[in-house]
Amino acid sequence: TNGSIMNGAVKRLAQKENTRFTISLDS
């Protein structure tokens, strides 16, 4: 993900142990 969207669904996912976010950052 580009890490730009932080809605309720993303926040719930962030609390789950089985979830990983790879942020495409580039700088």
mmCIF file of all heavy atoms, coordinates in Angstrom:
data_MODEL
# 
_entry.id   MODEL 
# 
loop_
_atom_site.group_PDB 
_atom_site.id 
_atom_site.type_symbol 
_atom_site.label_atom_id 
_atom_site.label_alt_id 
_atom_site.label_comp_id 
_atom_site.label_asym_id 
_atom_site.label_entity_id 
_atom_site.label_seq_id 
_atom_site.pdbx_PDB_ins_code 
_atom_site.Cartn_x 
_atom_site.Cartn_y 
_atom_site.Cartn_z 
_atom_site.occupancy 
_atom_site.B_iso_or_equiv 
_atom_site.pdbx_formal_charge 
_atom_site.auth_seq_id 
_atom_site.auth_comp_id 
_atom_site.auth_asym_id 
_atom_site.auth_atom_id 
_atom_site.pdbx_PDB_model_num 
ATOM 1   N N   . THR A 1 1  ? 0.825   -1.199  0.000  1.00 0.00 ? 1  THR A N   1 
ATOM 2   C CA  . THR A 1 1  ? 0.000   0.000   0.000  1.00 0.00 ? 1  THR A CA  1 
ATOM 3   C C   . THR A 1 1  ? 0.861   1.251   0.000  1.00 0.00 ? 1  THR A C   1 
ATOM 4   O O   . THR A 1 1  ? 2.005   1.224   0.459  1.00 0.00 ? 1  THR A O   1 
ATOM 5   C CB  . THR A 1 1  ? -0.935  0.000   1.238  1.00 0.00 ? 1  THR A CB  1 
ATOM 6   O OG1 . THR A 1 1  ? -1.569  1.280   1.384  1.00 0.00 ? 1  THR A OG1 1 
ATOM 7   C CG2 . THR A 1 1  ? -0.160  -0.292  2.515  1.00 0.00 ? 1  THR A CG2 1 
ATOM 8   N N   . ASN A 1 2  ? 0.304   2.351   -0.493 1.00 0.00 ? 2  ASN A N   1 
ATOM 9   C CA  . ASN A 1 2  ? 1.049   3.610   -0.423 1.00 0.00 ? 2  ASN A CA  1 
ATOM 10  C C   . ASN A 1 2  ? 0.926   4.285   0.939  1.00 0.00 ? 2  ASN A C   1 
ATOM 11  O O   . ASN A 1 2  ? 1.550   5.316   1.185  1.00 0.00 ? 2  ASN A O   1 
ATOM 12  C CB  . ASN A 1 2  ? 0.645   4.561   -1.557 1.00 0.00 ? 2  ASN A CB  1 
ATOM 13  C CG  . ASN A 1 2  ? -0.837  4.912   -1.558 1.00 0.00 ? 2  ASN A CG  1 
ATOM 14  O OD1 . ASN A 1 2  ? -1.468  5.049   -0.510 1.00 0.00 ? 2  ASN A OD1 1 
ATOM 15  N ND2 . ASN A 1 2  ? -1.403  5.061   -2.750 1.00 0.00 ? 2  ASN A ND2 1 
ATOM 16  N N   . GLY A 1 3  ? 0.109   3.716   1.814  1.00 0.00 ? 3  GLY A N   1 
ATOM 17  C CA  . GLY A 1 3  ? 0.022   4.214   3.185  1.00 0.00 ? 3  GLY A CA  1 
ATOM 18  C C   . GLY A 1 3  ? -0.783  5.480   3.353  1.00 0.00 ? 3  GLY A C   1 
ATOM 19  O O   . GLY A 1 3  ? -0.770  6.095   4.423  1.00 0.00 ? 3  GLY A O   1 
ATOM 20  N N   . SER A 1 4  ? -1.526  5.869   2.334  1.00 0.00 ? 4  SER A N   1 
ATOM 21  C CA  . SER A 1 4  ? -2.231  7.153   2.384  1.00 0.00 ? 4  SER A CA  1 
ATOM 22  C C   . SER A 1 4  ? -3.622  7.053   2.991  1.00 0.00 ? 4  SER A C   1 
ATOM 23  O O   . SER A 1 4  ? -4.195  8.059   3.410  1.00 0.00 ? 4  SER A O   1 
ATOM 24  C CB  . SER A 1 4  ? -2.342  7.738   0.972  1.00 0.00 ? 4  SER A CB  1 
ATOM 25  O OG  . SER A 1 4  ? -3.174  6.927   0.152  1.00 0.00 ? 4  SER A OG  1 
ATOM 26  N N   . ILE A 1 5  ? -4.198  5.835   3.018  1.00 0.00 ? 5  ILE A N   1 
ATOM 27  C CA  . ILE A 1 5  ? -5.586  5.662   3.461  1.00 0.00 ? 5  ILE A CA  1 
ATOM 28  C C   . ILE A 1 5  ? -5.613  5.029   4.846  1.00 0.00 ? 5  ILE A C   1 
ATOM 29  O O   . ILE A 1 5  ? -5.040  3.960   5.065  1.00 0.00 ? 5  ILE A O   1 
ATOM 30  C CB  . ILE A 1 5  ? -6.363  4.795   2.450  1.00 0.00 ? 5  ILE A CB  1 
ATOM 31  C CG1 . ILE A 1 5  ? -6.438  5.503   1.086  1.00 0.00 ? 5  ILE A CG1 1 
ATOM 32  C CG2 . ILE A 1 5  ? -7.769  4.483   2.966  1.00 0.00 ? 5  ILE A CG2 1 
ATOM 33  C CD1 . ILE A 1 5  ? -7.045  4.675   -0.019 1.00 0.00 ? 5  ILE A CD1 1 
ATOM 34  N N   . MET A 1 6  ? -6.274  5.710   5.777  1.00 0.00 ? 6  MET A N   1 
ATOM 35  C CA  . MET A 1 6  ? -6.394  5.207   7.140  1.00 0.00 ? 6  MET A CA  1 
ATOM 36  C C   . MET A 1 6  ? -7.851  5.329   7.579  1.00 0.00 ? 6  MET A C   1 
ATOM 37  O O   . MET A 1 6  ? -8.245  6.222   8.320  1.00 0.00 ? 6  MET A O   1 
ATOM 38  C CB  . MET A 1 6  ? -5.459  5.987   8.081  1.00 0.00 ? 6  MET A CB  1 
ATOM 39  C CG  . MET A 1 6  ? -5.398  5.439   9.507  1.00 0.00 ? 6  MET A CG  1 
ATOM 40  S SD  . MET A 1 6  ? -4.901  3.703   9.594  1.00 0.00 ? 6  MET A SD  1 
ATOM 41  C CE  . MET A 1 6  ? -3.215  3.801   8.998  1.00 0.00 ? 6  MET A CE  1 
ATOM 42  N N   . ASN A 1 7  ? -8.671  4.409   7.069  1.00 0.00 ? 7  ASN A N   1 
ATOM 43  C CA  . ASN A 1 7  ? -10.090 4.404   7.436  1.00 0.00 ? 7  ASN A CA  1 
ATOM 44  C C   . ASN A 1 7  ? -10.336 3.381   8.542  1.00 0.00 ? 7  ASN A C   1 
ATOM 45  O O   . ASN A 1 7  ? -9.409  2.751   9.055  1.00 0.00 ? 7  ASN A O   1 
ATOM 46  C CB  . ASN A 1 7  ? -10.962 4.130   6.206  1.00 0.00 ? 7  ASN A CB  1 
ATOM 47  C CG  . ASN A 1 7  ? -10.574 2.828   5.495  1.00 0.00 ? 7  ASN A CG  1 
ATOM 48  O OD1 . ASN A 1 7  ? -10.074 1.899   6.129  1.00 0.00 ? 7  ASN A OD1 1 
ATOM 49  N ND2 . ASN A 1 7  ? -10.795 2.774   4.187  1.00 0.00 ? 7  ASN A ND2 1 
ATOM 50  N N   . GLY A 1 8  ? -11.610 3.200   8.893  1.00 0.00 ? 8  GLY A N   1 
ATOM 51  C CA  . GLY A 1 8  ? -11.944 2.287   9.982  1.00 0.00 ? 8  GLY A CA  1 
ATOM 52  C C   . GLY A 1 8  ? -11.513 0.860   9.714  1.00 0.00 ? 8  GLY A C   1 
ATOM 53  O O   . GLY A 1 8  ? -11.032 0.165   10.618 1.00 0.00 ? 8  GLY A O   1 
ATOM 54  N N   . ALA A 1 9  ? -11.669 0.409   8.467  1.00 0.00 ? 9  ALA A N   1 
ATOM 55  C CA  . ALA A 1 9  ? -11.287 -0.963  8.119  1.00 0.00 ? 9  ALA A CA  1 
ATOM 56  C C   . ALA A 1 9  ? -9.787  -1.173  8.281  1.00 0.00 ? 9  ALA A C   1 
ATOM 57  O O   . ALA A 1 9  ? -9.344  -2.209  8.798  1.00 0.00 ? 9  ALA A O   1 
ATOM 58  C CB  . ALA A 1 9  ? -11.718 -1.271  6.682  1.00 0.00 ? 9  ALA A CB  1 
ATOM 59  N N   . VAL A 1 10 ? -8.985  -0.201  7.849  1.00 0.00 ? 10 VAL A N   1 
ATOM 60  C CA  . VAL A 1 10 ? -7.533  -0.308  7.972  1.00 0.00 ? 10 VAL A CA  1 
ATOM 61  C C   . VAL A 1 10 ? -7.135  -0.312  9.450  1.00 0.00 ? 10 VAL A C   1 
ATOM 62  O O   . VAL A 1 10 ? -6.257  -1.081  9.868  1.00 0.00 ? 10 VAL A O   1 
ATOM 63  C CB  . VAL A 1 10 ? -6.829  0.836   7.219  1.00 0.00 ? 10 VAL A CB  1 
ATOM 64  C CG1 . VAL A 1 10 ? -5.316  0.732   7.379  1.00 0.00 ? 10 VAL A CG1 1 
ATOM 65  C CG2 . VAL A 1 10 ? -7.206  0.829   5.738  1.00 0.00 ? 10 VAL A CG2 1 
ATOM 66  N N   . LYS A 1 11 ? -7.789  0.514   10.243 1.00 0.00 ? 11 LYS A N   1 
ATOM 67  C CA  . LYS A 1 11 ? -7.486  0.560   11.677 1.00 0.00 ? 11 LYS A CA  1 
ATOM 68  C C   . LYS A 1 11 ? -7.802  -0.767  12.358 1.00 0.00 ? 11 LYS A C   1 
ATOM 69  O O   . LYS A 1 11 ? -7.061  -1.218  13.239 1.00 0.00 ? 11 LYS A O   1 
ATOM 70  C CB  . LYS A 1 11 ? -8.263  1.702   12.329 1.00 0.00 ? 11 LYS A CB  1 
ATOM 71  C CG  . LYS A 1 11 ? -7.744  3.082   11.948 1.00 0.00 ? 11 LYS A CG  1 
ATOM 72  C CD  . LYS A 1 11 ? -8.547  4.191   12.616 1.00 0.00 ? 11 LYS A CD  1 
ATOM 73  C CE  . LYS A 1 11 ? -7.977  5.557   12.244 1.00 0.00 ? 11 LYS A CE  1 
ATOM 74  N NZ  . LYS A 1 11 ? -8.745  6.674   12.853 1.00 0.00 ? 11 LYS A NZ  1 
ATOM 75  N N   . ARG A 1 12 ? -8.895  -1.408  11.939 1.00 0.00 ? 12 ARG A N   1 
ATOM 76  C CA  . ARG A 1 12 ? -9.229  -2.719  12.514 1.00 0.00 ? 12 ARG A CA  1 
ATOM 77  C C   . ARG A 1 12 ? -8.201  -3.769  12.104 1.00 0.00 ? 12 ARG A C   1 
ATOM 78  O O   . ARG A 1 12 ? -7.805  -4.622  12.907 1.00 0.00 ? 12 ARG A O   1 
ATOM 79  C CB  . ARG A 1 12 ? -10.639 -3.133  12.085 1.00 0.00 ? 12 ARG A CB  1 
ATOM 80  C CG  . ARG A 1 12 ? -11.751 -2.333  12.763 1.00 0.00 ? 12 ARG A CG  1 
ATOM 81  C CD  . ARG A 1 12 ? -13.120 -2.942  12.507 1.00 0.00 ? 12 ARG A CD  1 
ATOM 82  N NE  . ARG A 1 12 ? -13.508 -2.865  11.101 1.00 0.00 ? 12 ARG A NE  1 
ATOM 83  C CZ  . ARG A 1 12 ? -14.110 -1.806  10.548 1.00 0.00 ? 12 ARG A CZ  1 
ATOM 84  N NH1 . ARG A 1 12 ? -14.378 -0.730  11.285 1.00 0.00 ? 12 ARG A NH1 1 
ATOM 85  N NH2 . ARG A 1 12 ? -14.454 -1.815  9.282  1.00 0.00 ? 12 ARG A NH2 1 
ATOM 86  N N   . LEU A 1 13 ? -7.778  -3.702  10.855 1.00 0.00 ? 13 LEU A N   1 
ATOM 87  C CA  . LEU A 1 13 ? -6.759  -4.642  10.377 1.00 0.00 ? 13 LEU A CA  1 
ATOM 88  C C   . LEU A 1 13 ? -5.445  -4.468  11.143 1.00 0.00 ? 13 LEU A C   1 
ATOM 89  O O   . LEU A 1 13 ? -4.728  -5.438  11.401 1.00 0.00 ? 13 LEU A O   1 
ATOM 90  C CB  . LEU A 1 13 ? -6.512  -4.431  8.883  1.00 0.00 ? 13 LEU A CB  1 
ATOM 91  C CG  . LEU A 1 13 ? -7.594  -4.949  7.937  1.00 0.00 ? 13 LEU A CG  1 
ATOM 92  C CD1 . LEU A 1 13 ? -7.420  -4.339  6.549  1.00 0.00 ? 13 LEU A CD1 1 
ATOM 93  C CD2 . LEU A 1 13 ? -7.559  -6.479  7.851  1.00 0.00 ? 13 LEU A CD2 1 
ATOM 94  N N   . ALA A 1 14 ? -5.131  -3.233  11.493 1.00 0.00 ? 14 ALA A N   1 
ATOM 95  C CA  . ALA A 1 14 ? -3.877  -2.942  12.190 1.00 0.00 ? 14 ALA A CA  1 
ATOM 96  C C   . ALA A 1 14 ? -3.804  -3.619  13.552 1.00 0.00 ? 14 ALA A C   1 
ATOM 97  O O   . ALA A 1 14 ? -2.709  -3.814  14.103 1.00 0.00 ? 14 ALA A O   1 
ATOM 98  C CB  . ALA A 1 14 ? -3.707  -1.434  12.345 1.00 0.00 ? 14 ALA A CB  1 
ATOM 99  N N   . GLN A 1 15 ? -4.940  -4.007  14.086 1.00 0.00 ? 15 GLN A N   1 
ATOM 100 C CA  . GLN A 1 15 ? -4.977  -4.638  15.401 1.00 0.00 ? 15 GLN A CA  1 
ATOM 101 C C   . GLN A 1 15 ? -4.921  -6.163  15.323 1.00 0.00 ? 15 GLN A C   1 
ATOM 102 O O   . GLN A 1 15 ? -4.886  -6.840  16.347 1.00 0.00 ? 15 GLN A O   1 
ATOM 103 C CB  . GLN A 1 15 ? -6.237  -4.194  16.144 1.00 0.00 ? 15 GLN A CB  1 
ATOM 104 C CG  . GLN A 1 15 ? -6.270  -2.691  16.407 1.00 0.00 ? 15 GLN A CG  1 
ATOM 105 C CD  . GLN A 1 15 ? -7.589  -2.217  16.982 1.00 0.00 ? 15 GLN A CD  1 
ATOM 106 O OE1 . GLN A 1 15 ? -8.381  -3.011  17.469 1.00 0.00 ? 15 GLN A OE1 1 
ATOM 107 N NE2 . GLN A 1 15 ? -7.834  -0.917  16.935 1.00 0.00 ? 15 GLN A NE2 1 
ATOM 108 N N   . LYS A 1 16 ? -4.893  -6.689  14.103 1.00 0.00 ? 16 LYS A N   1 
ATOM 109 C CA  . LYS A 1 16 ? -4.879  -8.142  13.933 1.00 0.00 ? 16 LYS A CA  1 
ATOM 110 C C   . LYS A 1 16 ? -3.445  -8.652  13.782 1.00 0.00 ? 16 LYS A C   1 
ATOM 111 O O   . LYS A 1 16 ? -2.646  -8.087  13.048 1.00 0.00 ? 16 LYS A O   1 
ATOM 112 C CB  . LYS A 1 16 ? -5.703  -8.533  12.700 1.00 0.00 ? 16 LYS A CB  1 
ATOM 113 C CG  . LYS A 1 16 ? -7.197  -8.216  12.840 1.00 0.00 ? 16 LYS A CG  1 
ATOM 114 C CD  . LYS A 1 16 ? -7.946  -8.628  11.599 1.00 0.00 ? 16 LYS A CD  1 
ATOM 115 C CE  . LYS A 1 16 ? -9.429  -8.320  11.692 1.00 0.00 ? 16 LYS A CE  1 
ATOM 116 N NZ  . LYS A 1 16 ? -10.110 -9.147  12.727 1.00 0.00 ? 16 LYS A NZ  1 
ATOM 117 N N   . GLU A 1 17 ? -3.148  -9.742  14.455 1.00 0.00 ? 17 GLU A N   1 
ATOM 118 C CA  . GLU A 1 17 ? -1.789  -10.281 14.445 1.00 0.00 ? 17 GLU A CA  1 
ATOM 119 C C   . GLU A 1 17 ? -1.392  -10.881 13.101 1.00 0.00 ? 17 GLU A C   1 
ATOM 120 O O   . GLU A 1 17 ? -0.207  -10.997 12.800 1.00 0.00 ? 17 GLU A O   1 
ATOM 121 C CB  . GLU A 1 17 ? -1.643  -11.343 15.536 1.00 0.00 ? 17 GLU A CB  1 
ATOM 122 C CG  . GLU A 1 17 ? -1.687  -10.773 16.957 1.00 0.00 ? 17 GLU A CG  1 
ATOM 123 C CD  . GLU A 1 17 ? -1.447  -11.829 18.007 1.00 0.00 ? 17 GLU A CD  1 
ATOM 124 O OE1 . GLU A 1 17 ? -1.242  -13.010 17.616 1.00 0.00 ? 17 GLU A OE1 1 
ATOM 125 O OE2 . GLU A 1 17 ? -1.454  -11.496 19.206 1.00 0.00 ? 17 GLU A OE2 1 
ATOM 126 N N   . ASN A 1 18 ? -2.371  -11.267 12.302 1.00 0.00 ? 18 ASN A N   1 
ATOM 127 C CA  . ASN A 1 18 ? -2.061  -11.966 11.048 1.00 0.00 ? 18 ASN A CA  1 
ATOM 128 C C   . ASN A 1 18 ? -1.916  -11.018 9.861  1.00 0.00 ? 18 ASN A C   1 
ATOM 129 O O   . ASN A 1 18 ? -1.896  -11.452 8.714  1.00 0.00 ? 18 ASN A O   1 
ATOM 130 C CB  . ASN A 1 18 ? -3.156  -12.990 10.732 1.00 0.00 ? 18 ASN A CB  1 
ATOM 131 C CG  . ASN A 1 18 ? -4.502  -12.334 10.417 1.00 0.00 ? 18 ASN A CG  1 
ATOM 132 O OD1 . ASN A 1 18 ? -4.776  -11.217 10.860 1.00 0.00 ? 18 ASN A OD1 1 
ATOM 133 N ND2 . ASN A 1 18 ? -5.328  -13.022 9.638  1.00 0.00 ? 18 ASN A ND2 1 
ATOM 134 N N   . THR A 1 19 ? -1.810  -9.716  10.111 1.00 0.00 ? 19 THR A N   1 
ATOM 135 C CA  . THR A 1 19 ? -1.814  -8.722  9.040  1.00 0.00 ? 19 THR A CA  1 
ATOM 136 C C   . THR A 1 19 ? -0.475  -7.992  8.961  1.00 0.00 ? 19 THR A C   1 
ATOM 137 O O   . THR A 1 19 ? 0.115   -7.643  9.991  1.00 0.00 ? 19 THR A O   1 
ATOM 138 C CB  . THR A 1 19 ? -2.939  -7.686  9.259  1.00 0.00 ? 19 THR A CB  1 
ATOM 139 O OG1 . THR A 1 19 ? -4.186  -8.373  9.391  1.00 0.00 ? 19 THR A OG1 1 
ATOM 140 C CG2 . THR A 1 19 ? -3.028  -6.720  8.095  1.00 0.00 ? 19 THR A CG2 1 
ATOM 141 N N   . ARG A 1 20 ? -0.026  -7.762  7.739  1.00 0.00 ? 20 ARG A N   1 
ATOM 142 C CA  . ARG A 1 20 ? 1.205   -7.014  7.509  1.00 0.00 ? 20 ARG A CA  1 
ATOM 143 C C   . ARG A 1 20 ? 0.951   -5.937  6.461  1.00 0.00 ? 20 ARG A C   1 
ATOM 144 O O   . ARG A 1 20 ? 0.284   -6.173  5.451  1.00 0.00 ? 20 ARG A O   1 
ATOM 145 C CB  . ARG A 1 20 ? 2.317   -7.943  7.017  1.00 0.00 ? 20 ARG A CB  1 
ATOM 146 C CG  . ARG A 1 20 ? 3.613   -7.219  6.625  1.00 0.00 ? 20 ARG A CG  1 
ATOM 147 C CD  . ARG A 1 20 ? 4.586   -8.181  5.961  1.00 0.00 ? 20 ARG A CD  1 
ATOM 148 N NE  . ARG A 1 20 ? 5.735   -7.497  5.386  1.00 0.00 ? 20 ARG A NE  1 
ATOM 149 C CZ  . ARG A 1 20 ? 6.921   -7.396  5.962  1.00 0.00 ? 20 ARG A CZ  1 
ATOM 150 N NH1 . ARG A 1 20 ? 7.128   -7.943  7.134  1.00 0.00 ? 20 ARG A NH1 1 
ATOM 151 N NH2 . ARG A 1 20 ? 7.923   -6.765  5.360  1.00 0.00 ? 20 ARG A NH2 1 
ATOM 152 N N   . PHE A 1 21 ? 1.502   -4.759  6.708  1.00 0.00 ? 21 PHE A N   1 
ATOM 153 C CA  . PHE A 1 21 ? 1.423   -3.646  5.767  1.00 0.00 ? 21 PHE A CA  1 
ATOM 154 C C   . PHE A 1 21 ? 2.829   -3.355  5.244  1.00 0.00 ? 21 PHE A C   1 
ATOM 155 O O   . PHE A 1 21 ? 3.731   -3.058  6.028  1.00 0.00 ? 21 PHE A O   1 
ATOM 156 C CB  . PHE A 1 21 ? 0.884   -2.387  6.448  1.00 0.00 ? 21 PHE A CB  1 
ATOM 157 C CG  . PHE A 1 21 ? -0.461  -2.547  7.098  1.00 0.00 ? 21 PHE A CG  1 
ATOM 158 C CD1 . PHE A 1 21 ? -0.562  -3.030  8.407  1.00 0.00 ? 21 PHE A CD1 1 
ATOM 159 C CD2 . PHE A 1 21 ? -1.624  -2.229  6.417  1.00 0.00 ? 21 PHE A CD2 1 
ATOM 160 C CE1 . PHE A 1 21 ? -1.804  -3.171  9.015  1.00 0.00 ? 21 PHE A CE1 1 
ATOM 161 C CE2 . PHE A 1 21 ? -2.865  -2.373  7.015  1.00 0.00 ? 21 PHE A CE2 1 
ATOM 162 C CZ  . PHE A 1 21 ? -2.960  -2.845  8.314  1.00 0.00 ? 21 PHE A CZ  1 
ATOM 163 N N   . THR A 1 22 ? 3.013   -3.453  3.940  1.00 0.00 ? 22 THR A N   1 
ATOM 164 C CA  . THR A 1 22 ? 4.267   -3.016  3.332  1.00 0.00 ? 22 THR A CA  1 
ATOM 165 C C   . THR A 1 22 ? 3.995   -1.679  2.657  1.00 0.00 ? 22 THR A C   1 
ATOM 166 O O   . THR A 1 22 ? 3.229   -1.597  1.697  1.00 0.00 ? 22 THR A O   1 
ATOM 167 C CB  . THR A 1 22 ? 4.783   -4.038  2.313  1.00 0.00 ? 22 THR A CB  1 
ATOM 168 O OG1 . THR A 1 22 ? 5.088   -5.264  2.992  1.00 0.00 ? 22 THR A OG1 1 
ATOM 169 C CG2 . THR A 1 22 ? 6.047   -3.529  1.632  1.00 0.00 ? 22 THR A CG2 1 
ATOM 170 N N   . ILE A 1 23 ? 4.610   -0.638  3.202  1.00 0.00 ? 23 ILE A N   1 
ATOM 171 C CA  . ILE A 1 23 ? 4.371   0.722   2.709  1.00 0.00 ? 23 ILE A CA  1 
ATOM 172 C C   . ILE A 1 23 ? 5.357   1.039   1.583  1.00 0.00 ? 23 ILE A C   1 
ATOM 173 O O   . ILE A 1 23 ? 6.577   0.971   1.780  1.00 0.00 ? 23 ILE A O   1 
ATOM 174 C CB  . ILE A 1 23 ? 4.544   1.771   3.829  1.00 0.00 ? 23 ILE A CB  1 
ATOM 175 C CG1 . ILE A 1 23 ? 3.781   1.354   5.096  1.00 0.00 ? 23 ILE A CG1 1 
ATOM 176 C CG2 . ILE A 1 23 ? 4.099   3.149   3.333  1.00 0.00 ? 23 ILE A CG2 1 
ATOM 177 C CD1 . ILE A 1 23 ? 2.308   1.321   4.979  1.00 0.00 ? 23 ILE A CD1 1 
ATOM 178 N N   . SER A 1 24 ? 4.832   1.350   0.417  1.00 0.00 ? 24 SER A N   1 
ATOM 179 C CA  . SER A 1 24 ? 5.685   1.792   -0.696 1.00 0.00 ? 24 SER A CA  1 
ATOM 180 C C   . SER A 1 24 ? 6.042   3.251   -0.441 1.00 0.00 ? 24 SER A C   1 
ATOM 181 O O   . SER A 1 24 ? 5.218   4.147   -0.628 1.00 0.00 ? 24 SER A O   1 
ATOM 182 C CB  . SER A 1 24 ? 4.939   1.647   -2.026 1.00 0.00 ? 24 SER A CB  1 
ATOM 183 O OG  . SER A 1 24 ? 4.605   0.307   -2.263 1.00 0.00 ? 24 SER A OG  1 
ATOM 184 N N   . LEU A 1 25 ? 7.263   3.476   -0.007 1.00 0.00 ? 25 LEU A N   1 
ATOM 185 C CA  . LEU A 1 25 ? 7.630   4.798   0.489  1.00 0.00 ? 25 LEU A CA  1 
ATOM 186 C C   . LEU A 1 25 ? 8.520   5.576   -0.477 1.00 0.00 ? 25 LEU A C   1 
ATOM 187 O O   . LEU A 1 25 ? 8.246   6.735   -0.795 1.00 0.00 ? 25 LEU A O   1 
ATOM 188 C CB  . LEU A 1 25 ? 8.333   4.638   1.850  1.00 0.00 ? 25 LEU A CB  1 
ATOM 189 C CG  . LEU A 1 25 ? 8.428   5.877   2.740  1.00 0.00 ? 25 LEU A CG  1 
ATOM 190 C CD1 . LEU A 1 25 ? 7.072   6.511   2.955  1.00 0.00 ? 25 LEU A CD1 1 
ATOM 191 C CD2 . LEU A 1 25 ? 9.054   5.500   4.081  1.00 0.00 ? 25 LEU A CD2 1 
ATOM 192 N N   . ASP A 1 26 ? 9.610   4.987   -0.895 1.00 0.00 ? 26 ASP A N   1 
ATOM 193 C CA  . ASP A 1 26 ? 10.525  5.549   -1.906 1.00 0.00 ? 26 ASP A CA  1 
ATOM 194 C C   . ASP A 1 26 ? 11.355  6.734   -1.432 1.00 0.00 ? 26 ASP A C   1 
ATOM 195 O O   . ASP A 1 26 ? 12.369  7.043   -2.061 1.00 0.00 ? 26 ASP A O   1 
ATOM 196 C CB  . ASP A 1 26 ? 9.787   5.951   -3.188 1.00 0.00 ? 26 ASP A CB  1 
ATOM 197 C CG  . ASP A 1 26 ? 9.178   4.769   -3.907 1.00 0.00 ? 26 ASP A CG  1 
ATOM 198 O OD1 . ASP A 1 26 ? 9.421   3.622   -3.473 1.00 0.00 ? 26 ASP A OD1 1 
ATOM 199 O OD2 . ASP A 1 26 ? 8.450   4.971   -4.888 1.00 0.00 ? 26 ASP A OD2 1 
ATOM 200 N N   . SER A 1 27 ? 10.941  7.408   -0.374 1.00 0.00 ? 27 SER A N   1 
ATOM 201 C CA  . SER A 1 27 ? 11.748  8.511   0.154  1.00 0.00 ? 27 SER A CA  1 
ATOM 202 C C   . SER A 1 27 ? 11.242  8.911   1.530  1.00 0.00 ? 27 SER A C   1 
ATOM 203 O O   . SER A 1 27 ? 10.039  8.853   1.804  1.00 0.00 ? 27 SER A O   1 
ATOM 204 C CB  . SER A 1 27 ? 11.697  9.725   -0.775 1.00 0.00 ? 27 SER A CB  1 
ATOM 205 O OG  . SER A 1 27 ? 12.502  10.775  -0.268 1.00 0.00 ? 27 SER A OG  1 
# 
